[in-house]
Full PDB file with SEQRES, HELIX, SHEET, SSBOND, CRYST1, ORIGX, SCALE, CONECT and MASTER records, all heavy atoms in Angstrom:
SEQRES   1 A   38  LEU VAL ASN ASP GLY LEU VAL GLN ARG TYR HIS GLY LYS          
SEQRES   2 A   38  GLY VAL PHE VAL LEU GLU THR ALA ILE ASN TYR THR ILE          
SEQRES   3 A   38  ASP SER GLN THR ARG PHE THR GLU THR LEU HIS HIS              
HELIX    1 AA1 PHE A   32  HIS A   37  1                                   6    
SHEET    1 AA1 2 VAL A   7  TYR A  10  0                                        
SHEET    2 AA1 2 GLY A  14  VAL A  17 -1                                        
CRYST1    1.000    1.000    1.000  90.00  90.00  90.00 P 1           1          
ORIGX1      1.000000  0.000000  0.000000        0.00000                         
ORIGX2      0.000000  1.000000  0.000000        0.00000                         
ORIGX3      0.000000  0.000000  1.000000        0.00000                         
SCALE1      1.000000  0.000000  0.000000        0.00000                         
SCALE2      0.000000  1.000000  0.000000        0.00000                         
SCALE3      0.000000  0.000000  1.000000        0.00000                         
ATOM      1  N   LEU A   1     182.307 241.175 346.625  1.00  0.00           N  
ATOM      2  CA  LEU A   1     183.166 242.026 347.453  1.00  0.00           C  
ATOM      3  C   LEU A   1     184.631 241.876 347.044  1.00  0.00           C  
ATOM      4  O   LEU A   1     185.379 242.860 347.034  1.00  0.00           O  
ATOM      5  CB  LEU A   1     183.004 241.669 348.936  1.00  0.00           C  
ATOM      6  CG  LEU A   1     181.585 241.698 349.508  1.00  0.00           C  
ATOM      7  CD1 LEU A   1     181.618 241.395 351.002  1.00  0.00           C  
ATOM      8  CD2 LEU A   1     180.912 243.035 349.255  1.00  0.00           C  
ATOM      9  N   VAL A   2     185.025 240.643 346.714  1.00  0.00           N  
ATOM     10  CA  VAL A   2     186.398 240.411 346.250  1.00  0.00           C  
ATOM     11  C   VAL A   2     186.638 241.161 344.944  1.00  0.00           C  
ATOM     12  O   VAL A   2     187.659 241.835 344.764  1.00  0.00           O  
ATOM     13  CB  VAL A   2     186.661 238.904 346.071  1.00  0.00           C  
ATOM     14  CG1 VAL A   2     188.025 238.675 345.413  1.00  0.00           C  
ATOM     15  CG2 VAL A   2     186.594 238.181 347.408  1.00  0.00           C  
ATOM     16  N   ASN A   3     185.673 241.054 344.022  1.00  0.00           N  
ATOM     17  CA  ASN A   3     185.814 241.731 342.721  1.00  0.00           C  
ATOM     18  C   ASN A   3     185.847 243.242 342.865  1.00  0.00           C  
ATOM     19  O   ASN A   3     186.478 243.941 342.047  1.00  0.00           O  
ATOM     20  CB  ASN A   3     184.661 241.337 341.792  1.00  0.00           C  
ATOM     21  CG  ASN A   3     184.716 239.882 341.371  1.00  0.00           C  
ATOM     22  OD1 ASN A   3     185.777 239.261 341.406  1.00  0.00           O  
ATOM     23  ND2 ASN A   3     183.578 239.324 340.992  1.00  0.00           N  
ATOM     24  N   ASP A   4     185.176 243.772 343.895  1.00  0.00           N  
ATOM     25  CA  ASP A   4     185.178 245.213 344.133  1.00  0.00           C  
ATOM     26  C   ASP A   4     186.424 245.679 344.887  1.00  0.00           C  
ATOM     27  O   ASP A   4     186.593 246.879 345.130  1.00  0.00           O  
ATOM     28  CB  ASP A   4     183.937 245.627 344.938  1.00  0.00           C  
ATOM     29  CG  ASP A   4     182.657 245.559 344.105  1.00  0.00           C  
ATOM     30  OD1 ASP A   4     182.770 245.515 342.861  1.00  0.00           O  
ATOM     31  OD2 ASP A   4     181.559 245.544 344.691  1.00  0.00           O  
ATOM     32  N   GLY A   5     187.291 244.736 345.274  1.00  0.00           N  
ATOM     33  CA  GLY A   5     188.522 245.099 345.971  1.00  0.00           C  
ATOM     34  C   GLY A   5     188.333 245.459 347.426  1.00  0.00           C  
ATOM     35  O   GLY A   5     189.202 246.111 348.022  1.00  0.00           O  
ATOM     36  N   LEU A   6     187.229 245.033 348.021  1.00  0.00           N  
ATOM     37  CA  LEU A   6     186.958 245.360 349.427  1.00  0.00           C  
ATOM     38  C   LEU A   6     187.500 244.316 350.384  1.00  0.00           C  
ATOM     39  O   LEU A   6     187.856 244.643 351.523  1.00  0.00           O  
ATOM     40  CB  LEU A   6     185.453 245.527 349.651  1.00  0.00           C  
ATOM     41  CG  LEU A   6     184.783 246.699 348.938  1.00  0.00           C  
ATOM     42  CD1 LEU A   6     183.284 246.678 349.194  1.00  0.00           C  
ATOM     43  CD2 LEU A   6     185.375 248.025 349.410  1.00  0.00           C  
ATOM     44  N   VAL A   7     187.527 243.060 349.960  1.00  0.00           N  
ATOM     45  CA  VAL A   7     187.986 241.981 350.833  1.00  0.00           C  
ATOM     46  C   VAL A   7     188.874 241.027 350.048  1.00  0.00           C  
ATOM     47  O   VAL A   7     188.904 241.054 348.817  1.00  0.00           O  
ATOM     48  CB  VAL A   7     186.799 241.190 351.440  1.00  0.00           C  
ATOM     49  CG1 VAL A   7     185.884 242.095 352.250  1.00  0.00           C  
ATOM     50  CG2 VAL A   7     186.008 240.462 350.349  1.00  0.00           C  
ATOM     51  N   GLN A   8     189.575 240.172 350.785  1.00  0.00           N  
ATOM     52  CA  GLN A   8     190.408 239.151 350.178  1.00  0.00           C  
ATOM     53  C   GLN A   8     190.193 237.832 350.915  1.00  0.00           C  
ATOM     54  O   GLN A   8     190.141 237.815 352.145  1.00  0.00           O  
ATOM     55  CB  GLN A   8     191.885 239.543 350.253  1.00  0.00           C  
ATOM     56  CG  GLN A   8     192.837 238.527 349.663  1.00  0.00           C  
ATOM     57  CD  GLN A   8     192.654 238.382 348.165  1.00  0.00           C  
ATOM     58  OE1 GLN A   8     192.700 239.366 347.440  1.00  0.00           O  
ATOM     59  NE2 GLN A   8     192.456 237.168 347.700  1.00  0.00           N  
ATOM     60  N   ARG A   9     190.033 236.746 350.158  1.00  0.00           N  
ATOM     61  CA  ARG A   9     189.939 235.411 350.757  1.00  0.00           C  
ATOM     62  C   ARG A   9     191.339 234.858 350.998  1.00  0.00           C  
ATOM     63  O   ARG A   9     192.214 234.977 350.142  1.00  0.00           O  
ATOM     64  CB  ARG A   9     189.205 234.454 349.838  1.00  0.00           C  
ATOM     65  CG  ARG A   9     187.701 234.508 349.887  1.00  0.00           C  
ATOM     66  CD  ARG A   9     187.138 233.277 349.166  1.00  0.00           C  
ATOM     67  NE  ARG A   9     185.686 233.295 349.110  1.00  0.00           N  
ATOM     68  CZ  ARG A   9     184.986 233.765 348.099  1.00  0.00           C  
ATOM     69  NH1 ARG A   9     185.636 234.291 347.070  1.00  0.00           N  
ATOM     70  NH2 ARG A   9     183.672 233.731 348.115  1.00  0.00           N  
ATOM     71  N   TYR A  10     191.539 234.236 352.136  1.00  0.00           N  
ATOM     72  CA  TYR A  10     192.778 233.525 352.419  1.00  0.00           C  
ATOM     73  C   TYR A  10     192.414 232.105 352.811  1.00  0.00           C  
ATOM     74  O   TYR A  10     191.708 231.894 353.796  1.00  0.00           O  
ATOM     75  CB  TYR A  10     193.566 234.212 353.541  1.00  0.00           C  
ATOM     76  CG  TYR A  10     194.098 235.565 353.134  1.00  0.00           C  
ATOM     77  CD1 TYR A  10     193.392 236.737 353.456  1.00  0.00           C  
ATOM     78  CD2 TYR A  10     195.284 235.689 352.421  1.00  0.00           C  
ATOM     79  CE1 TYR A  10     193.863 237.977 353.069  1.00  0.00           C  
ATOM     80  CE2 TYR A  10     195.767 236.934 352.032  1.00  0.00           C  
ATOM     81  CZ  TYR A  10     195.051 238.064 352.364  1.00  0.00           C  
ATOM     82  OH  TYR A  10     195.518 239.295 351.975  1.00  0.00           O  
ATOM     83  N   HIS A  11     192.855 231.154 351.995  1.00  0.00           N  
ATOM     84  CA  HIS A  11     192.461 229.759 352.181  1.00  0.00           C  
ATOM     85  C   HIS A  11     192.782 229.284 353.591  1.00  0.00           C  
ATOM     86  O   HIS A  11     193.904 229.421 354.074  1.00  0.00           O  
ATOM     87  CB  HIS A  11     193.178 228.875 351.164  1.00  0.00           C  
ATOM     88  CG  HIS A  11     192.795 227.432 351.245  1.00  0.00           C  
ATOM     89  ND1 HIS A  11     191.538 226.979 350.900  1.00  0.00           N  
ATOM     90  CD2 HIS A  11     193.505 226.341 351.656  1.00  0.00           C  
ATOM     91  CE1 HIS A  11     191.485 225.672 351.080  1.00  0.00           C  
ATOM     92  NE2 HIS A  11     192.666 225.259 351.538  1.00  0.00           N  
ATOM     93  N   GLY A  12     191.789 228.737 354.247  1.00  0.00           N  
ATOM     94  CA  GLY A  12     191.965 228.198 355.584  1.00  0.00           C  
ATOM     95  C   GLY A  12     191.934 229.230 356.689  1.00  0.00           C  
ATOM     96  O   GLY A  12     191.985 228.885 357.877  1.00  0.00           O  
ATOM     97  N   LYS A  13     191.861 230.515 356.325  1.00  0.00           N  
ATOM     98  CA  LYS A  13     191.872 231.571 357.340  1.00  0.00           C  
ATOM     99  C   LYS A  13     190.582 232.373 357.367  1.00  0.00           C  
ATOM    100  O   LYS A  13     190.109 232.770 358.423  1.00  0.00           O  
ATOM    101  CB  LYS A  13     193.065 232.514 357.111  1.00  0.00           C  
ATOM    102  CG  LYS A  13     194.419 231.849 357.297  1.00  0.00           C  
ATOM    103  CD  LYS A  13     195.545 232.855 357.108  1.00  0.00           C  
ATOM    104  CE  LYS A  13     196.901 232.201 357.307  1.00  0.00           C  
ATOM    105  NZ  LYS A  13     198.019 233.174 357.123  1.00  0.00           N  
ATOM    106  N   GLY A  14     190.014 232.650 356.195  1.00  0.00           N  
ATOM    107  CA  GLY A  14     188.775 233.409 356.155  1.00  0.00           C  
ATOM    108  C   GLY A  14     188.828 234.555 355.167  1.00  0.00           C  
ATOM    109  O   GLY A  14     189.685 234.603 354.276  1.00  0.00           O  
ATOM    110  N   VAL A  15     187.912 235.500 355.347  1.00  0.00           N  
ATOM    111  CA  VAL A  15     187.782 236.659 354.458  1.00  0.00           C  
ATOM    112  C   VAL A  15     188.117 237.910 355.265  1.00  0.00           C  
ATOM    113  O   VAL A  15     187.530 238.147 356.327  1.00  0.00           O  
ATOM    114  CB  VAL A  15     186.356 236.755 353.878  1.00  0.00           C  
ATOM    115  CG1 VAL A  15     186.220 237.984 352.992  1.00  0.00           C  
ATOM    116  CG2 VAL A  15     185.999 235.496 353.101  1.00  0.00           C  
ATOM    117  N   PHE A  16     189.040 238.728 354.737  1.00  0.00           N  
ATOM    118  CA  PHE A  16     189.541 239.872 355.487  1.00  0.00           C  
ATOM    119  C   PHE A  16     189.353 241.166 354.688  1.00  0.00           C  
ATOM    120  O   PHE A  16     189.475 241.184 353.462  1.00  0.00           O  
ATOM    121  CB  PHE A  16     191.023 239.693 355.824  1.00  0.00           C  
ATOM    122  CG  PHE A  16     191.277 238.565 356.793  1.00  0.00           C  
ATOM    123  CD1 PHE A  16     191.363 237.259 356.347  1.00  0.00           C  
ATOM    124  CD2 PHE A  16     191.396 238.819 358.149  1.00  0.00           C  
ATOM    125  CE1 PHE A  16     191.589 236.211 357.228  1.00  0.00           C  
ATOM    126  CE2 PHE A  16     191.626 237.789 359.042  1.00  0.00           C  
ATOM    127  CZ  PHE A  16     191.709 236.480 358.584  1.00  0.00           C  
ATOM    128  N   VAL A  17     189.077 242.241 355.427  1.00  0.00           N  
ATOM    129  CA  VAL A  17     188.852 243.550 354.827  1.00  0.00           C  
ATOM    130  C   VAL A  17     190.187 244.145 354.384  1.00  0.00           C  
ATOM    131  O   VAL A  17     191.170 244.129 355.128  1.00  0.00           O  
ATOM    132  CB  VAL A  17     188.153 244.500 355.828  1.00  0.00           C  
ATOM    133  CG1 VAL A  17     187.987 245.896 355.230  1.00  0.00           C  
ATOM    134  CG2 VAL A  17     186.807 243.928 356.250  1.00  0.00           C  
ATOM    135  N   LEU A  18     190.216 244.661 353.159  1.00  0.00           N  
ATOM    136  CA  LEU A  18     191.426 245.263 352.608  1.00  0.00           C  
ATOM    137  C   LEU A  18     191.471 246.767 352.864  1.00  0.00           C  
ATOM    138  O   LEU A  18     190.458 247.396 353.167  1.00  0.00           O  
ATOM    139  CB  LEU A  18     191.491 245.015 351.093  1.00  0.00           C  
ATOM    140  CG  LEU A  18     191.650 243.573 350.627  1.00  0.00           C  
ATOM    141  CD1 LEU A  18     191.560 243.510 349.116  1.00  0.00           C  
ATOM    142  CD2 LEU A  18     192.972 242.993 351.111  1.00  0.00           C  
ATOM    143  N   GLU A  19     192.677 247.311 352.710  1.00  0.00           N  
ATOM    144  CA  GLU A  19     192.824 248.759 352.711  1.00  0.00           C  
ATOM    145  C   GLU A  19     192.025 249.337 351.549  1.00  0.00           C  
ATOM    146  O   GLU A  19     191.931 248.735 350.474  1.00  0.00           O  
ATOM    147  CB  GLU A  19     194.299 249.149 352.524  1.00  0.00           C  
ATOM    148  CG  GLU A  19     195.204 248.758 353.667  1.00  0.00           C  
ATOM    149  CD  GLU A  19     195.248 249.812 354.750  1.00  0.00           C  
ATOM    150  OE1 GLU A  19     194.550 250.840 354.603  1.00  0.00           O  
ATOM    151  OE2 GLU A  19     195.965 249.603 355.734  1.00  0.00           O  
ATOM    152  N   THR A  20     191.448 250.527 351.752  1.00  0.00           N  
ATOM    153  CA  THR A  20     190.767 251.196 350.647  1.00  0.00           C  
ATOM    154  C   THR A  20     191.795 251.633 349.613  1.00  0.00           C  
ATOM    155  O   THR A  20     192.795 252.273 349.943  1.00  0.00           O  
ATOM    156  CB  THR A  20     189.999 252.426 351.152  1.00  0.00           C  
ATOM    157  OG1 THR A  20     189.055 252.013 352.136  1.00  0.00           O  
ATOM    158  CG2 THR A  20     189.259 253.108 350.014  1.00  0.00           C  
ATOM    159  N   ALA A  21     191.585 251.249 348.373  1.00  0.00           N  
ATOM    160  CA  ALA A  21     192.544 251.585 347.317  1.00  0.00           C  
ATOM    161  C   ALA A  21     192.562 253.094 347.066  1.00  0.00           C  
ATOM    162  O   ALA A  21     191.518 253.744 347.020  1.00  0.00           O  
ATOM    163  CB  ALA A  21     192.184 250.852 346.028  1.00  0.00           C  
ATOM    164  N   ILE A  22     193.756 253.642 346.935  1.00  0.00           N  
ATOM    165  CA  ILE A  22     193.931 255.059 346.617  1.00  0.00           C  
ATOM    166  C   ILE A  22     193.920 255.224 345.108  1.00  0.00           C  
ATOM    167  O   ILE A  22     194.653 254.536 344.395  1.00  0.00           O  
ATOM    168  CB  ILE A  22     195.244 255.590 347.208  1.00  0.00           C  
ATOM    169  CG1 ILE A  22     195.180 255.558 348.738  1.00  0.00           C  
ATOM    170  CG2 ILE A  22     195.530 257.004 346.712  1.00  0.00           C  
ATOM    171  CD1 ILE A  22     196.491 255.926 349.407  1.00  0.00           C  
ATOM    172  N   ASN A  23     193.082 256.102 344.611  1.00  0.00           N  
ATOM    173  CA  ASN A  23     192.993 256.348 343.174  1.00  0.00           C  
ATOM    174  C   ASN A  23     194.098 257.326 342.780  1.00  0.00           C  
ATOM    175  O   ASN A  23     193.976 258.532 342.963  1.00  0.00           O  
ATOM    176  CB  ASN A  23     191.617 256.911 342.822  1.00  0.00           C  
ATOM    177  CG  ASN A  23     191.425 257.028 341.327  1.00  0.00           C  
ATOM    178  OD1 ASN A  23     192.003 256.281 340.550  1.00  0.00           O  
ATOM    179  ND2 ASN A  23     190.598 257.967 340.907  1.00  0.00           N  
ATOM    180  N   TYR A  24     195.188 256.794 342.257  1.00  0.00           N  
ATOM    181  CA  TYR A  24     196.367 257.596 341.925  1.00  0.00           C  
ATOM    182  C   TYR A  24     196.372 257.881 340.426  1.00  0.00           C  
ATOM    183  O   TYR A  24     196.431 256.972 339.605  1.00  0.00           O  
ATOM    184  CB  TYR A  24     197.626 256.834 342.325  1.00  0.00           C  
ATOM    185  CG  TYR A  24     198.904 257.610 342.151  1.00  0.00           C  
ATOM    186  CD1 TYR A  24     199.319 258.531 343.105  1.00  0.00           C  
ATOM    187  CD2 TYR A  24     199.719 257.413 341.038  1.00  0.00           C  
ATOM    188  CE1 TYR A  24     200.490 259.246 342.955  1.00  0.00           C  
ATOM    189  CE2 TYR A  24     200.896 258.108 340.877  1.00  0.00           C  
ATOM    190  CZ  TYR A  24     201.278 259.027 341.831  1.00  0.00           C  
ATOM    191  OH  TYR A  24     202.445 259.734 341.676  1.00  0.00           O  
ATOM    192  N   THR A  25     196.290 259.162 340.095  1.00  0.00           N  
ATOM    193  CA  THR A  25     196.201 259.577 338.695  1.00  0.00           C  
ATOM    194  C   THR A  25     197.585 259.818 338.102  1.00  0.00           C  
ATOM    195  O   THR A  25     198.429 260.462 338.723  1.00  0.00           O  
ATOM    196  CB  THR A  25     195.358 260.850 338.562  1.00  0.00           C  
ATOM    197  OG1 THR A  25     194.045 260.596 339.051  1.00  0.00           O  
ATOM    198  CG2 THR A  25     195.266 261.295 337.109  1.00  0.00           C  
ATOM    199  N   ILE A  26     197.805 259.293 336.914  1.00  0.00           N  
ATOM    200  CA  ILE A  26     199.060 259.505 336.184  1.00  0.00           C  
ATOM    201  C   ILE A  26     198.768 260.330 334.946  1.00  0.00           C  
ATOM    202  O   ILE A  26     197.924 259.971 334.129  1.00  0.00           O  
ATOM    203  CB  ILE A  26     199.700 258.163 335.781  1.00  0.00           C  
ATOM    204  CG1 ILE A  26     200.111 257.383 337.033  1.00  0.00           C  
ATOM    205  CG2 ILE A  26     200.908 258.388 334.878  1.00  0.00           C  
ATOM    206  CD1 ILE A  26     200.694 256.022 336.736  1.00  0.00           C  
ATOM    207  N   ASP A  27     199.443 261.470 334.828  1.00  0.00           N  
ATOM    208  CA  ASP A  27     199.321 262.269 333.613  1.00  0.00           C  
ATOM    209  C   ASP A  27     200.698 262.773 333.222  1.00  0.00           C  
ATOM    210  O   ASP A  27     201.712 262.309 333.740  1.00  0.00           O  
ATOM    211  CB  ASP A  27     198.311 263.417 333.788  1.00  0.00           C  
ATOM    212  CG  ASP A  27     198.688 264.383 334.902  1.00  0.00           C  
ATOM    213  OD1 ASP A  27     199.892 264.504 335.220  1.00  0.00           O  
ATOM    214  OD2 ASP A  27     197.791 265.021 335.466  1.00  0.00           O  
ATOM    215  N   SER A  28     200.758 263.724 332.313  1.00  0.00           N  
ATOM    216  CA  SER A  28     202.051 264.137 331.755  1.00  0.00           C  
ATOM    217  C   SER A  28     202.956 264.815 332.776  1.00  0.00           C  
ATOM    218  O   SER A  28     204.178 264.855 332.594  1.00  0.00           O  
ATOM    219  CB  SER A  28     201.837 265.075 330.557  1.00  0.00           C  
ATOM    220  OG  SER A  28     201.160 266.253 330.961  1.00  0.00           O  
ATOM    221  N   GLN A  29     202.388 265.358 333.866  1.00  0.00           N  
ATOM    222  CA  GLN A  29     203.211 266.057 334.843  1.00  0.00           C  
ATOM    223  C   GLN A  29     202.897 265.601 336.270  1.00  0.00           C  
ATOM    224  O   GLN A  29     202.921 266.396 337.209  1.00  0.00           O  
ATOM    225  CB  GLN A  29     203.011 267.577 334.718  1.00  0.00           C  
ATOM    226  CG  GLN A  29     203.473 268.125 333.376  1.00  0.00           C  
ATOM    227  CD  GLN A  29     203.390 269.634 333.309  1.00  0.00           C  
ATOM    228  OE1 GLN A  29     203.834 270.338 334.215  1.00  0.00           O  
ATOM    229  NE2 GLN A  29     202.822 270.136 332.222  1.00  0.00           N  
ATOM    230  N   THR A  30     202.639 264.319 336.452  1.00  0.00           N  
ATOM    231  CA  THR A  30     202.320 263.786 337.772  1.00  0.00           C  
ATOM    232  C   THR A  30     203.470 263.986 338.747  1.00  0.00           C  
ATOM    233  O   THR A  30     204.618 263.695 338.436  1.00  0.00           O  
ATOM    234  CB  THR A  30     201.998 262.286 337.681  1.00  0.00           C  
ATOM    235  OG1 THR A  30     200.835 262.121 336.877  1.00  0.00           O  
ATOM    236  CG2 THR A  30     201.737 261.696 339.054  1.00  0.00           C  
ATOM    237  N   ARG A  31     203.140 264.495 339.926  1.00  0.00           N  
ATOM    238  CA  ARG A  31     204.087 264.573 341.025  1.00  0.00           C  
ATOM    239  C   ARG A  31     203.478 263.854 342.214  1.00  0.00           C  
ATOM    240  O   ARG A  31     202.360 264.160 342.619  1.00  0.00           O  
ATOM    241  CB  ARG A  31     204.392 266.029 341.399  1.00  0.00           C  
ATOM    242  CG  ARG A  31     205.232 266.773 340.369  1.00  0.00           C  
ATOM    243  CD  ARG A  31     205.511 268.182 340.842  1.00  0.00           C  
ATOM    244  NE  ARG A  31     206.354 268.915 339.911  1.00  0.00           N  
ATOM    245  CZ  ARG A  31     206.690 270.198 340.069  1.00  0.00           C  
ATOM    246  NH1 ARG A  31     206.236 270.870 341.122  1.00  0.00           N  
ATOM    247  NH2 ARG A  31     207.457 270.795 339.184  1.00  0.00           N  
ATOM    248  N   PHE A  32     204.235 262.933 342.782  1.00  0.00           N  
ATOM    249  CA  PHE A  32     203.702 262.094 343.853  1.00  0.00           C  
ATOM    250  C   PHE A  32     203.140 262.922 345.006  1.00  0.00           C  
ATOM    251  O   PHE A  32     201.976 262.787 345.387  1.00  0.00           O  
ATOM    252  CB  PHE A  32     204.806 261.161 344.365  1.00  0.00           C  
ATOM    253  CG  PHE A  32     204.382 260.312 345.535  1.00  0.00           C  
ATOM    254  CD1 PHE A  32     203.757 259.096 345.330  1.00  0.00           C  
ATOM    255  CD2 PHE A  32     204.610 260.735 346.835  1.00  0.00           C  
ATOM    256  CE1 PHE A  32     203.349 258.317 346.403  1.00  0.00           C  
ATOM    257  CE2 PHE A  32     204.220 259.959 347.919  1.00  0.00           C  
ATOM    258  CZ  PHE A  32     203.583 258.748 347.694  1.00  0.00           C  
ATOM    259  N   THR A  33     203.968 263.792 345.575  1.00  0.00           N  
ATOM    260  CA  THR A  33     203.558 264.556 346.757  1.00  0.00           C  
ATOM    261  C   THR A  33     202.366 265.448 346.451  1.00  0.00           C  
ATOM    262  O   THR A  33     201.375 265.472 347.195  1.00  0.00           O  
ATOM    263  CB  THR A  33     204.739 265.410 347.269  1.00  0.00           C  
ATOM    264  OG1 THR A  33     205.856 264.557 347.542  1.00  0.00           O  
ATOM    265  CG2 THR A  33     204.348 266.154 348.539  1.00  0.00           C  
ATOM    266  N   GLU A  34     202.439 266.169 345.346  1.00  0.00           N  
ATOM    267  CA  GLU A  34     201.364 267.092 344.975  1.00  0.00           C  
ATOM    268  C   GLU A  34     200.062 266.344 344.711  1.00  0.00           C  
ATOM    269  O   GLU A  34     198.982 266.776 345.137  1.00  0.00           O  
ATOM    270  CB  GLU A  34     201.794 267.873 343.736  1.00  0.00           C  
ATOM    271  CG  GLU A  34     200.825 268.938 343.284  1.00  0.00           C  
ATOM    272  CD  GLU A  34     201.353 269.696 342.081  1.00  0.00           C  
ATOM    273  OE1 GLU A  34     202.447 270.300 342.205  1.00  0.00           O  
ATOM    274  OE2 GLU A  34     200.690 269.679 341.035  1.00  0.00           O  
ATOM    275  N   THR A  35     200.142 265.210 344.019  1.00  0.00           N  
ATOM    276  CA  THR A  35     198.951 264.433 343.692  1.00  0.00           C  
ATOM    277  C   THR A  35     198.256 263.933 344.944  1.00  0.00           C  
ATOM    278  O   THR A  35     197.028 264.049 345.084  1.00  0.00           O  
ATOM    279  CB  THR A  35     199.324 263.234 342.792  1.00  0.00           C  
ATOM    280  OG1 THR A  35     199.870 263.725 341.560  1.00  0.00           O  
ATOM    281  CG2 THR A  35     198.106 262.372 342.487  1.00  0.00           C  
ATOM    282  N   LEU A  36     199.013 263.371 345.886  1.00  0.00           N  
ATOM    283  CA  LEU A  36     198.414 262.820 347.096  1.00  0.00           C  
ATOM    284  C   LEU A  36     197.905 263.903 348.031  1.00  0.00           C  
ATOM    285  O   LEU A  36     196.860 263.750 348.666  1.00  0.00           O  
ATOM    286  CB  LEU A  36     199.417 261.917 347.815  1.00  0.00           C  
ATOM    287  CG  LEU A  36     199.471 260.447 347.385  1.00  0.00           C  
ATOM    288  CD1 LEU A  36     198.122 259.779 347.617  1.00  0.00           C  
ATOM    289  CD2 LEU A  36     199.879 260.274 345.953  1.00  0.00           C  
ATOM    290  N   HIS A  37     198.626 265.011 348.124  1.00  0.00           N  
ATOM    291  CA  HIS A  37     198.149 266.113 348.970  1.00  0.00           C  
ATOM    292  C   HIS A  37     196.830 266.665 348.436  1.00  0.00           C  
ATOM    293  O   HIS A  37     195.942 267.041 349.209  1.00  0.00           O  
ATOM    294  CB  HIS A  37     199.204 267.220 349.036  1.00  0.00           C  
ATOM    295  CG  HIS A  37     200.351 266.877 349.932  1.00  0.00           C  
ATOM    296  ND1 HIS A  37     201.396 267.740 350.182  1.00  0.00           N  
ATOM    297  CD2 HIS A  37     200.627 265.756 350.652  1.00  0.00           C  
ATOM    298  CE1 HIS A  37     202.259 267.170 350.995  1.00  0.00           C  
ATOM    299  NE2 HIS A  37     201.813 265.974 351.285  1.00  0.00           N  
ATOM    300  N   HIS A  38     196.707 266.722 347.114  1.00  0.00           N  
ATOM    301  CA  HIS A  38     195.464 267.202 346.514  1.00  0.00           C  
ATOM    302  C   HIS A  38     194.292 266.307 346.896  1.00  0.00           C  
ATOM    303  O   HIS A  38     193.156 266.770 347.024  1.00  0.00           O  
ATOM    304  CB  HIS A  38     195.619 267.249 344.989  1.00  0.00           C  
ATOM    305  CG  HIS A  38     194.389 267.725 344.276  1.00  0.00           C  
ATOM    306  ND1 HIS A  38     193.981 269.045 344.294  1.00  0.00           N  
ATOM    307  CD2 HIS A  38     193.456 267.058 343.528  1.00  0.00           C  
ATOM    308  CE1 HIS A  38     192.861 269.175 343.598  1.00  0.00           C  
ATOM    309  NE2 HIS A  38     192.521 267.978 343.125  1.00  0.00           N  
TER     310      HIS A  38                                                      
MASTER        0    0    0    1    2    0    0    6  309    1    0    3          
END                                                                             
């Protein structure tokens, strides 16, 4: 689960669920707002 980016271990605290990673594409004409709205 850690390798898949779903959770993170914190020593002495436990295992916690992470935010789902956003797949942000970079190309020759990437625009932040347009990319995320899409």
